[in-house]
Amino acid sequence: MIKENQIIKIEKASYLGGYKIKLAFNDKSEQSIDFYPFLSNSLNPLIRKYLDEKKFKEYELDDGDLEWNDYDLCFPIADLYENTIRP
């Protein structure tokens, strides 16, 4: 859990295969997140387009945030830090 006044940023993102990305945070913690349940359960075609693995692998880190296509898809840093991405 993020503590009060704690600023969390992603320092490194490593593609693990499929729809999994390992994130390393500035407090030295790490999370391996499987985005498949979220993507596959979405009814929104703007989200489902990232089921195309080629598009999914085009993520970037921007000032400590994980994002796709200039923030077309992104997640709250607290959800990534706590690995609570839900479908």
N, C-alpha and C. Protein backbone atom coordinates (compact mmCIF):
# COMPACT_ATOMS: atom_id res chain seq x y z
N MET A 1 0.84 -1.18 0.00
CA MET A 1 0.00 0.00 0.00
C MET A 1 0.88 1.25 0.00
N ILE A 2 0.47 2.24 -0.74
CA ILE A 2 1.22 3.48 -0.80
C ILE A 2 0.96 4.28 0.47
N LYS A 3 2.05 4.73 1.09
CA LYS A 3 1.93 5.50 2.32
C LYS A 3 1.63 6.96 2.01
N GLU A 4 1.04 7.64 2.98
CA GLU A 4 0.75 9.06 2.83
C GLU A 4 2.03 9.83 2.51
N ASN A 5 1.97 10.73 1.58
CA ASN A 5 3.09 11.57 1.13
C ASN A 5 4.16 10.80 0.36
N GLN A 6 3.91 9.52 0.06
CA GLN A 6 4.86 8.74 -0.72
C GLN A 6 4.58 8.96 -2.21
N ILE A 7 5.62 9.25 -2.96
CA ILE A 7 5.48 9.43 -4.41
C ILE A 7 6.06 8.20 -5.09
N ILE A 8 5.20 7.48 -5.79
CA ILE A 8 5.61 6.25 -6.45
C ILE A 8 5.65 6.49 -7.96
N LYS A 9 6.74 6.04 -8.56
CA LYS A 9 6.90 6.10 -10.01
C LYS A 9 7.44 4.76 -10.50
N ILE A 10 7.15 4.45 -11.73
CA ILE A 10 7.71 3.26 -12.35
C ILE A 10 9.05 3.66 -12.95
N GLU A 11 10.08 2.89 -12.60
CA GLU A 11 11.41 3.17 -13.14
C GLU A 11 11.75 2.29 -14.34
N LYS A 12 11.15 1.08 -14.38
CA LYS A 12 11.47 0.16 -15.46
C LYS A 12 10.27 -0.75 -15.72
N ALA A 13 10.02 -1.02 -16.98
CA ALA A 13 8.97 -1.96 -17.38
C ALA A 13 9.59 -2.98 -18.32
N SER A 14 9.39 -4.26 -18.02
CA SER A 14 9.95 -5.33 -18.83
C SER A 14 8.84 -6.25 -19.32
N TYR A 15 8.77 -6.42 -20.62
CA TYR A 15 7.77 -7.30 -21.21
C TYR A 15 8.12 -8.75 -20.90
N LEU A 16 7.16 -9.51 -20.36
CA LEU A 16 7.40 -10.90 -19.96
C LEU A 16 6.82 -11.91 -20.94
N GLY A 17 6.01 -11.44 -21.88
CA GLY A 17 5.34 -12.35 -22.81
C GLY A 17 3.85 -12.29 -22.61
N GLY A 18 3.11 -12.62 -23.66
CA GLY A 18 1.66 -12.56 -23.58
C GLY A 18 1.23 -11.14 -23.25
N TYR A 19 0.52 -10.99 -22.16
CA TYR A 19 0.03 -9.68 -21.72
C TYR A 19 0.58 -9.33 -20.34
N LYS A 20 1.79 -9.84 -20.07
CA LYS A 20 2.41 -9.63 -18.76
C LYS A 20 3.58 -8.66 -18.87
N ILE A 21 3.62 -7.76 -17.88
CA ILE A 21 4.70 -6.79 -17.79
C ILE A 21 5.19 -6.76 -16.35
N LYS A 22 6.50 -6.77 -16.18
CA LYS A 22 7.10 -6.64 -14.85
C LYS A 22 7.48 -5.17 -14.66
N LEU A 23 7.01 -4.60 -13.56
CA LEU A 23 7.25 -3.19 -13.26
C LEU A 23 8.17 -3.08 -12.05
N ALA A 24 9.17 -2.20 -12.16
CA ALA A 24 10.06 -1.90 -11.04
C ALA A 24 9.79 -0.45 -10.64
N PHE A 25 9.50 -0.25 -9.36
CA PHE A 25 9.13 1.06 -8.84
C PHE A 25 10.32 1.74 -8.15
N ASN A 26 10.19 3.04 -7.94
CA ASN A 26 11.27 3.81 -7.36
C ASN A 26 11.56 3.48 -5.89
N ASP A 27 10.70 2.72 -5.23
CA ASP A 27 10.98 2.29 -3.86
C ASP A 27 11.59 0.89 -3.83
N LYS A 28 12.02 0.41 -5.01
CA LYS A 28 12.68 -0.90 -5.19
C LYS A 28 11.72 -2.08 -5.15
N SER A 29 10.42 -1.85 -5.06
CA SER A 29 9.46 -2.96 -5.13
C SER A 29 9.18 -3.28 -6.60
N GLU A 30 8.65 -4.48 -6.84
CA GLU A 30 8.34 -4.93 -8.19
C GLU A 30 6.99 -5.62 -8.20
N GLN A 31 6.35 -5.57 -9.35
CA GLN A 31 5.10 -6.28 -9.58
C GLN A 31 5.15 -6.87 -10.99
N SER A 32 4.69 -8.10 -11.12
CA SER A 32 4.46 -8.70 -12.44
C SER A 32 2.96 -8.72 -12.63
N ILE A 33 2.49 -8.01 -13.65
CA ILE A 33 1.06 -7.83 -13.84
C ILE A 33 0.62 -8.48 -15.13
N ASP A 34 -0.46 -9.26 -15.03
CA ASP A 34 -1.08 -9.88 -16.20
C ASP A 34 -2.29 -9.02 -16.57
N PHE A 35 -2.20 -8.33 -17.69
CA PHE A 35 -3.26 -7.44 -18.14
C PHE A 35 -4.36 -8.17 -18.92
N TYR A 36 -4.15 -9.48 -19.21
CA TYR A 36 -5.11 -10.20 -20.05
C TYR A 36 -6.52 -10.21 -19.47
N PRO A 37 -6.72 -10.51 -18.19
CA PRO A 37 -8.10 -10.52 -17.67
C PRO A 37 -8.81 -9.17 -17.87
N PHE A 38 -8.10 -8.08 -17.65
CA PHE A 38 -8.70 -6.76 -17.83
C PHE A 38 -9.06 -6.54 -19.30
N LEU A 39 -8.12 -6.81 -20.19
CA LEU A 39 -8.34 -6.57 -21.61
C LEU A 39 -9.43 -7.47 -22.18
N SER A 40 -9.40 -8.74 -21.84
CA SER A 40 -10.33 -9.70 -22.44
C SER A 40 -11.76 -9.55 -21.91
N ASN A 41 -11.91 -8.99 -20.72
CA ASN A 41 -13.25 -8.81 -20.15
C ASN A 41 -13.88 -7.47 -20.49
N SER A 42 -13.10 -6.59 -21.08
CA SER A 42 -13.63 -5.28 -21.44
C SER A 42 -14.56 -5.40 -22.65
N LEU A 43 -15.63 -4.64 -22.65
CA LEU A 43 -16.53 -4.57 -23.80
C LEU A 43 -16.19 -3.39 -24.70
N ASN A 44 -15.30 -2.54 -24.24
CA ASN A 44 -14.93 -1.33 -24.97
C ASN A 44 -13.93 -1.68 -26.08
N PRO A 45 -14.28 -1.42 -27.34
CA PRO A 45 -13.35 -1.75 -28.43
C PRO A 45 -12.05 -0.95 -28.38
N LEU A 46 -12.06 0.22 -27.74
CA LEU A 46 -10.83 1.00 -27.62
C LEU A 46 -9.84 0.35 -26.64
N ILE A 47 -10.35 -0.45 -25.74
CA ILE A 47 -9.50 -1.21 -24.82
C ILE A 47 -9.17 -2.57 -25.43
N ARG A 48 -10.16 -3.23 -26.02
CA ARG A 48 -9.96 -4.57 -26.58
C ARG A 48 -8.94 -4.59 -27.72
N LYS A 49 -8.71 -3.45 -28.36
CA LYS A 49 -7.73 -3.43 -29.45
C LYS A 49 -6.33 -3.80 -28.95
N TYR A 50 -6.09 -3.67 -27.64
CA TYR A 50 -4.79 -4.03 -27.07
C TYR A 50 -4.65 -5.53 -26.83
N LEU A 51 -5.68 -6.31 -27.20
CA LEU A 51 -5.53 -7.76 -27.24
C LEU A 51 -4.64 -8.18 -28.41
N ASP A 52 -4.43 -7.27 -29.34
CA ASP A 52 -3.43 -7.47 -30.39
C ASP A 52 -2.07 -7.33 -29.71
N GLU A 53 -1.34 -8.43 -29.60
CA GLU A 53 -0.08 -8.41 -28.85
C GLU A 53 0.91 -7.39 -29.39
N LYS A 54 0.89 -7.16 -30.69
CA LYS A 54 1.80 -6.16 -31.26
C LYS A 54 1.49 -4.78 -30.68
N LYS A 55 0.19 -4.42 -30.60
CA LYS A 55 -0.20 -3.13 -30.01
C LYS A 55 0.12 -3.11 -28.51
N PHE A 56 -0.14 -4.23 -27.84
CA PHE A 56 0.10 -4.29 -26.40
C PHE A 56 1.58 -4.03 -26.08
N LYS A 57 2.47 -4.57 -26.88
CA LYS A 57 3.91 -4.44 -26.63
C LYS A 57 4.44 -3.03 -26.92
N GLU A 58 3.59 -2.14 -27.42
CA GLU A 58 4.01 -0.78 -27.73
C GLU A 58 3.82 0.19 -26.55
N TYR A 59 3.81 -0.33 -25.34
CA TYR A 59 3.70 0.52 -24.15
C TYR A 59 4.95 1.37 -24.00
N GLU A 60 4.82 2.43 -23.22
CA GLU A 60 5.95 3.32 -22.92
C GLU A 60 5.87 3.75 -21.47
N LEU A 61 7.00 4.17 -20.95
CA LEU A 61 7.03 4.84 -19.65
C LEU A 61 7.14 6.33 -19.92
N ASP A 62 6.25 7.10 -19.30
CA ASP A 62 6.25 8.55 -19.46
C ASP A 62 6.20 9.18 -18.09
N ASP A 63 7.30 9.73 -17.66
CA ASP A 63 7.40 10.39 -16.36
C ASP A 63 6.89 9.49 -15.22
N GLY A 64 7.27 8.22 -15.26
CA GLY A 64 6.91 7.30 -14.19
C GLY A 64 5.58 6.61 -14.36
N ASP A 65 4.87 6.86 -15.45
CA ASP A 65 3.58 6.23 -15.73
C ASP A 65 3.72 5.23 -16.87
N LEU A 66 2.98 4.14 -16.80
CA LEU A 66 2.89 3.17 -17.88
C LEU A 66 1.71 3.56 -18.75
N GLU A 67 1.97 3.72 -20.06
CA GLU A 67 0.89 4.16 -20.95
C GLU A 67 1.09 3.60 -22.34
N TRP A 68 -0.01 3.58 -23.08
CA TRP A 68 -0.03 3.12 -24.46
C TRP A 68 -0.57 4.24 -25.33
N ASN A 69 0.10 4.48 -26.46
CA ASN A 69 -0.39 5.39 -27.49
C ASN A 69 -0.80 6.76 -26.94
N ASP A 70 0.14 7.43 -26.30
CA ASP A 70 -0.09 8.78 -25.76
C ASP A 70 -1.30 8.82 -24.81
N TYR A 71 -1.32 7.89 -23.87
CA TYR A 71 -2.35 7.79 -22.83
C TYR A 71 -3.71 7.36 -23.37
N ASP A 72 -3.72 6.66 -24.50
CA ASP A 72 -4.94 6.02 -24.99
C ASP A 72 -5.40 4.96 -23.99
N LEU A 73 -4.43 4.29 -23.39
CA LEU A 73 -4.70 3.32 -22.33
C LEU A 73 -3.66 3.56 -21.23
N CYS A 74 -4.13 3.70 -20.00
CA CYS A 74 -3.23 3.85 -18.86
C CYS A 74 -3.97 3.41 -17.61
N PHE A 75 -3.24 3.22 -16.55
CA PHE A 75 -3.81 2.74 -15.29
C PHE A 75 -3.30 3.60 -14.14
N PRO A 76 -4.11 3.76 -13.10
CA PRO A 76 -3.64 4.51 -11.92
C PRO A 76 -2.40 3.84 -11.32
N ILE A 77 -1.43 4.63 -10.96
CA ILE A 77 -0.18 4.10 -10.43
C ILE A 77 -0.43 3.26 -9.18
N ALA A 78 -1.38 3.62 -8.35
CA ALA A 78 -1.68 2.83 -7.14
C ALA A 78 -2.17 1.43 -7.51
N ASP A 79 -2.97 1.31 -8.56
CA ASP A 79 -3.46 0.00 -9.00
C ASP A 79 -2.32 -0.87 -9.52
N LEU A 80 -1.38 -0.26 -10.22
CA LEU A 80 -0.22 -1.01 -10.71
C LEU A 80 0.68 -1.41 -9.55
N TYR A 81 0.92 -0.49 -8.63
CA TYR A 81 1.78 -0.74 -7.48
C TYR A 81 1.23 -1.87 -6.61
N GLU A 82 -0.07 -1.89 -6.45
CA GLU A 82 -0.72 -2.90 -5.59
C GLU A 82 -1.20 -4.11 -6.39
N ASN A 83 -0.97 -4.10 -7.70
CA ASN A 83 -1.38 -5.18 -8.59
C ASN A 83 -2.87 -5.49 -8.43
N THR A 84 -3.66 -4.44 -8.56
CA THR A 84 -5.12 -4.59 -8.40
C THR A 84 -5.86 -4.20 -9.68
N ILE A 85 -5.29 -4.54 -10.83
CA ILE A 85 -5.97 -4.31 -12.10
C ILE A 85 -7.09 -5.34 -12.19
N ARG A 86 -8.30 -4.87 -12.25
CA ARG A 86 -9.46 -5.78 -12.25
C ARG A 86 -10.23 -5.68 -13.55
N PRO A 87 -10.76 -6.81 -13.99
CA PRO A 87 -11.60 -6.79 -15.21
C PRO A 87 -12.87 -5.99 -15.02
